[in-house]
Amino acid sequence: AEGPMAWAVVWINLFTTGVFGVVLVFFCGFHLQLISKNQTTIESLDRRSQYALSSAADNARAVLGHNAWYWLVPIKPGLPTDGEGPGGAGDLEGGRGQRCDG
Protein backbone atom coordinates (compact mmCIF):
# COMPACT_ATOMS: atom_id res chain seq x y z
CA ALA A 1 0.00 0.00 0.00
CA GLU A 2 2.45 2.60 -1.19
CA GLY A 3 1.10 5.96 -2.05
CA PRO A 4 0.93 9.52 -0.89
CA MET A 5 -1.02 8.61 2.24
CA ALA A 6 1.55 5.99 3.33
CA TRP A 7 4.39 8.49 2.86
CA ALA A 8 2.45 11.13 4.81
CA VAL A 9 2.12 8.70 7.73
CA VAL A 10 5.86 7.96 7.58
CA TRP A 11 6.77 11.67 7.61
CA ILE A 12 4.35 12.44 10.44
CA ASN A 13 5.83 9.60 12.48
CA LEU A 14 9.39 10.77 11.79
CA PHE A 15 8.50 14.33 12.78
CA THR A 16 6.77 13.22 15.98
CA THR A 17 9.70 10.96 16.90
CA GLY A 18 12.14 13.81 16.28
CA VAL A 19 10.17 16.22 18.45
CA PHE A 20 10.02 13.70 21.31
CA GLY A 21 13.74 13.00 20.91
CA VAL A 22 14.67 16.68 21.17
CA VAL A 23 12.40 17.17 24.19
CA LEU A 24 13.91 14.13 25.94
CA VAL A 25 17.47 15.38 25.31
CA PHE A 26 16.65 18.72 26.98
CA PHE A 27 14.75 16.97 29.79
CA CYS A 28 17.72 14.66 30.45
CA GLY A 29 20.17 17.57 30.31
CA PHE A 30 18.10 19.61 32.76
CA HIS A 31 17.98 16.72 35.24
CA LEU A 32 21.70 16.05 34.91
CA GLN A 33 22.24 19.73 35.72
CA LEU A 34 19.98 19.39 38.78
CA ILE A 35 21.92 16.34 39.95
CA SER A 36 25.24 18.15 39.50
CA LYS A 37 23.95 21.01 41.70
CA ASN A 38 22.21 18.65 44.18
CA GLN A 39 18.87 20.41 43.68
CA THR A 40 15.25 19.51 43.19
CA THR A 41 13.12 21.16 40.51
CA ILE A 42 11.54 23.49 43.09
CA GLU A 43 14.96 24.45 44.48
CA SER A 44 16.18 25.29 40.98
CA LEU A 45 13.43 27.89 40.69
CA ASP A 46 14.64 29.50 43.92
CA ARG A 47 18.16 29.96 42.44
CA ARG A 48 19.85 29.19 45.78
CA SER A 49 21.36 25.80 46.51
CA GLN A 50 21.48 24.97 50.20
CA TYR A 51 22.87 21.48 49.73
CA ALA A 52 25.50 21.91 47.00
CA LEU A 53 28.72 20.07 47.77
CA SER A 54 32.23 20.84 46.56
CA SER A 55 31.95 19.13 43.14
CA ALA A 56 29.41 17.80 40.68
CA ALA A 57 30.67 14.26 41.34
CA ASP A 58 30.08 14.66 45.10
CA ASN A 59 26.59 16.00 44.38
CA ALA A 60 25.85 13.01 42.09
CA ARG A 61 27.00 10.59 44.80
CA ALA A 62 24.80 12.38 47.36
CA VAL A 63 21.76 12.01 45.08
CA LEU A 64 22.37 8.62 43.45
CA GLY A 65 24.46 6.79 46.05
CA HIS A 66 28.11 5.84 46.30
CA ASN A 67 28.00 2.75 44.07
CA ALA A 68 27.93 3.97 40.44
CA TRP A 69 26.78 0.53 39.22
CA TYR A 70 23.35 1.22 40.72
CA TRP A 71 22.94 4.64 39.09
CA LEU A 72 21.47 3.29 35.85
CA VAL A 73 19.78 0.26 37.44
CA PRO A 74 17.98 1.67 40.49
CA ILE A 75 17.69 -1.37 42.72
CA LYS A 76 18.57 -1.61 46.36
CA PRO A 77 20.32 -4.85 47.25
CA GLY A 78 19.30 -6.65 50.40
CA LEU A 79 15.56 -5.96 50.29
CA PRO A 80 13.22 -8.86 51.02
CA THR A 81 11.97 -10.39 47.80
CA ASP A 82 8.91 -12.29 49.04
CA GLY A 83 6.74 -9.16 49.26
CA GLU A 84 4.90 -10.54 52.28
CA GLY A 85 4.31 -8.74 55.55
CA PRO A 86 5.32 -5.33 56.86
CA GLY A 87 8.67 -4.22 55.52
CA GLY A 88 8.55 -6.64 52.60
CA ALA A 89 9.04 -5.52 49.02
CA GLY A 90 5.28 -5.17 48.59
CA ASP A 91 4.99 -2.85 51.61
CA LEU A 92 6.19 0.50 50.31
CA GLU A 93 4.86 2.47 53.28
CA GLY A 94 6.43 0.45 56.09
CA GLY A 95 3.25 -1.01 57.55
CA ARG A 96 1.17 2.19 57.46
CA GLY A 97 -2.54 1.79 57.08
CA GLN A 98 -2.81 -1.73 58.47
CA ARG A 99 -6.15 -2.66 59.94
CA CYS A 100 -6.33 -3.75 63.52
CA ASP A 101 -9.30 -6.03 64.07
CA GLY A 102 -9.88 -6.51 67.71
C-alpha atoms as a PDB file:
ATOM      1  CA  ALA A   1       0.000   0.000   0.000  1.00  0.00           C
ATOM      2  CA  GLU A   2       2.452   2.604  -1.194  1.00  0.00           C
ATOM      3  CA  GLY A   3       1.097   5.956  -2.055  1.00  0.00           C
ATOM      4  CA  PRO A   4       0.932   9.520  -0.891  1.00  0.00           C
ATOM      5  CA  MET A   5      -1.018   8.608   2.244  1.00  0.00           C
ATOM      6  CA  ALA A   6       1.551   5.988   3.329  1.00  0.00           C
ATOM      7  CA  TRP A   7       4.393   8.490   2.861  1.00  0.00           C
ATOM      8  CA  ALA A   8       2.452  11.128   4.813  1.00  0.00           C
ATOM      9  CA  VAL A   9       2.124   8.700   7.734  1.00  0.00           C
ATOM     10  CA  VAL A  10       5.860   7.956   7.581  1.00  0.00           C
ATOM     11  CA  TRP A  11       6.775  11.668   7.609  1.00  0.00           C
ATOM     12  CA  ILE A  12       4.353  12.439  10.435  1.00  0.00           C
ATOM     13  CA  ASN A  13       5.829   9.595  12.484  1.00  0.00           C
ATOM     14  CA  LEU A  14       9.395  10.773  11.795  1.00  0.00           C
ATOM     15  CA  PHE A  15       8.501  14.335  12.776  1.00  0.00           C
ATOM     16  CA  THR A  16       6.773  13.222  15.977  1.00  0.00           C
ATOM     17  CA  THR A  17       9.698  10.964  16.901  1.00  0.00           C
ATOM     18  CA  GLY A  18      12.144  13.808  16.281  1.00  0.00           C
ATOM     19  CA  VAL A  19      10.174  16.221  18.454  1.00  0.00           C
ATOM     20  CA  PHE A  20      10.018  13.703  21.305  1.00  0.00           C
ATOM     21  CA  GLY A  21      13.737  13.001  20.911  1.00  0.00           C
ATOM     22  CA  VAL A  22      14.667  16.682  21.172  1.00  0.00           C
ATOM     23  CA  VAL A  23      12.404  17.167  24.195  1.00  0.00           C
ATOM     24  CA  LEU A  24      13.914  14.133  25.940  1.00  0.00           C
ATOM     25  CA  VAL A  25      17.465  15.383  25.306  1.00  0.00           C
ATOM     26  CA  PHE A  26      16.645  18.716  26.976  1.00  0.00           C
ATOM     27  CA  PHE A  27      14.749  16.966  29.793  1.00  0.00           C
ATOM     28  CA  CYS A  28      17.719  14.664  30.448  1.00  0.00           C
ATOM     29  CA  GLY A  29      20.169  17.571  30.310  1.00  0.00           C
ATOM     30  CA  PHE A  30      18.099  19.606  32.761  1.00  0.00           C
ATOM     31  CA  HIS A  31      17.976  16.724  35.241  1.00  0.00           C
ATOM     32  CA  LEU A  32      21.701  16.049  34.912  1.00  0.00           C
ATOM     33  CA  GLN A  33      22.237  19.726  35.716  1.00  0.00           C
ATOM     34  CA  LEU A  34      19.977  19.395  38.778  1.00  0.00           C
ATOM     35  CA  ILE A  35      21.924  16.339  39.950  1.00  0.00           C
ATOM     36  CA  SER A  36      25.237  18.146  39.502  1.00  0.00           C
ATOM     37  CA  LYS A  37      23.949  21.008  41.704  1.00  0.00           C
ATOM     38  CA  ASN A  38      22.213  18.654  44.182  1.00  0.00           C
ATOM     39  CA  GLN A  39      18.870  20.413  43.681  1.00  0.00           C
ATOM     40  CA  THR A  40      15.245  19.510  43.188  1.00  0.00           C
ATOM     41  CA  THR A  41      13.120  21.156  40.507  1.00  0.00           C
ATOM     42  CA  ILE A  42      11.542  23.486  43.092  1.00  0.00           C
ATOM     43  CA  GLU A  43      14.960  24.452  44.481  1.00  0.00           C
ATOM     44  CA  SER A  44      16.183  25.287  40.978  1.00  0.00           C
ATOM     45  CA  LEU A  45      13.430  27.894  40.691  1.00  0.00           C
ATOM     46  CA  ASP A  46      14.643  29.502  43.921  1.00  0.00           C
ATOM     47  CA  ARG A  47      18.158  29.957  42.444  1.00  0.00           C
ATOM     48  CA  ARG A  48      19.855  29.187  45.783  1.00  0.00           C
ATOM     49  CA  SER A  49      21.359  25.796  46.512  1.00  0.00           C
ATOM     50  CA  GLN A  50      21.475  24.965  50.199  1.00  0.00           C
ATOM     51  CA  TYR A  51      22.873  21.484  49.732  1.00  0.00           C
ATOM     52  CA  ALA A  52      25.498  21.911  47.005  1.00  0.00           C
ATOM     53  CA  LEU A  53      28.721  20.067  47.772  1.00  0.00           C
ATOM     54  CA  SER A  54      32.229  20.839  46.557  1.00  0.00           C
ATOM     55  CA  SER A  55      31.948  19.133  43.142  1.00  0.00           C
ATOM     56  CA  ALA A  56      29.407  17.798  40.678  1.00  0.00           C
ATOM     57  CA  ALA A  57      30.673  14.256  41.339  1.00  0.00           C
ATOM     58  CA  ASP A  58      30.078  14.665  45.096  1.00  0.00           C
ATOM     59  CA  ASN A  59      26.589  15.996  44.378  1.00  0.00           C
ATOM     60  CA  ALA A  60      25.850  13.013  42.086  1.00  0.00           C
ATOM     61  CA  ARG A  61      26.998  10.590  44.802  1.00  0.00           C
ATOM     62  CA  ALA A  62      24.798  12.378  47.357  1.00  0.00           C
ATOM     63  CA  VAL A  63      21.759  12.011  45.084  1.00  0.00           C
ATOM     64  CA  LEU A  64      22.365   8.624  43.447  1.00  0.00           C
ATOM     65  CA  GLY A  65      24.461   6.788  46.050  1.00  0.00           C
ATOM     66  CA  HIS A  66      28.111   5.839  46.304  1.00  0.00           C
ATOM     67  CA  ASN A  67      27.998   2.753  44.069  1.00  0.00           C
ATOM     68  CA  ALA A  68      27.934   3.969  40.442  1.00  0.00           C
ATOM     69  CA  TRP A  69      26.775   0.529  39.221  1.00  0.00           C
ATOM     70  CA  TYR A  70      23.354   1.221  40.725  1.00  0.00           C
ATOM     71  CA  TRP A  71      22.942   4.638  39.095  1.00  0.00           C
ATOM     72  CA  LEU A  72      21.469   3.287  35.851  1.00  0.00           C
ATOM     73  CA  VAL A  73      19.777   0.262  37.436  1.00  0.00           C
ATOM     74  CA  PRO A  74      17.984   1.671  40.486  1.00  0.00           C
ATOM     75  CA  ILE A  75      17.693  -1.365  42.725  1.00  0.00           C
ATOM     76  CA  LYS A  76      18.573  -1.612  46.357  1.00  0.00           C
ATOM     77  CA  PRO A  77      20.320  -4.853  47.252  1.00  0.00           C
ATOM     78  CA  GLY A  78      19.301  -6.648  50.398  1.00  0.00           C
ATOM     79  CA  LEU A  79      15.564  -5.962  50.291  1.00  0.00           C
ATOM     80  CA  PRO A  80      13.217  -8.860  51.022  1.00  0.00           C
ATOM     81  CA  THR A  81      11.969 -10.394  47.804  1.00  0.00           C
ATOM     82  CA  ASP A  82       8.908 -12.295  49.039  1.00  0.00           C
ATOM     83  CA  GLY A  83       6.738  -9.162  49.265  1.00  0.00           C
ATOM     84  CA  GLU A  84       4.904 -10.538  52.282  1.00  0.00           C
ATOM     85  CA  GLY A  85       4.307  -8.739  55.551  1.00  0.00           C
ATOM     86  CA  PRO A  86       5.315  -5.329  56.856  1.00  0.00           C
ATOM     87  CA  GLY A  87       8.666  -4.221  55.522  1.00  0.00           C
ATOM     88  CA  GLY A  88       8.553  -6.645  52.598  1.00  0.00           C
ATOM     89  CA  ALA A  89       9.043  -5.517  49.018  1.00  0.00           C
ATOM     90  CA  GLY A  90       5.276  -5.168  48.589  1.00  0.00           C
ATOM     91  CA  ASP A  91       4.985  -2.848  51.614  1.00  0.00           C
ATOM     92  CA  LEU A  92       6.187   0.501  50.312  1.00  0.00           C
ATOM     93  CA  GLU A  93       4.863   2.475  53.275  1.00  0.00           C
ATOM     94  CA  GLY A  94       6.433   0.453  56.087  1.00  0.00           C
ATOM     95  CA  GLY A  95       3.252  -1.009  57.552  1.00  0.00           C
ATOM     96  CA  ARG A  96       1.174   2.191  57.462  1.00  0.00           C
ATOM     97  CA  GLY A  97      -2.535   1.787  57.077  1.00  0.00           C
ATOM     98  CA  GLN A  98      -2.813  -1.729  58.467  1.00  0.00           C
ATOM     99  CA  ARG A  99      -6.152  -2.656  59.938  1.00  0.00           C
ATOM    100  CA  CYS A 100      -6.331  -3.746  63.518  1.00  0.00           C
ATOM    101  CA  ASP A 101      -9.304  -6.030  64.065  1.00  0.00           C
ATOM    102  CA  GLY A 102      -9.882  -6.512  67.713  1.00  0.00           C
END
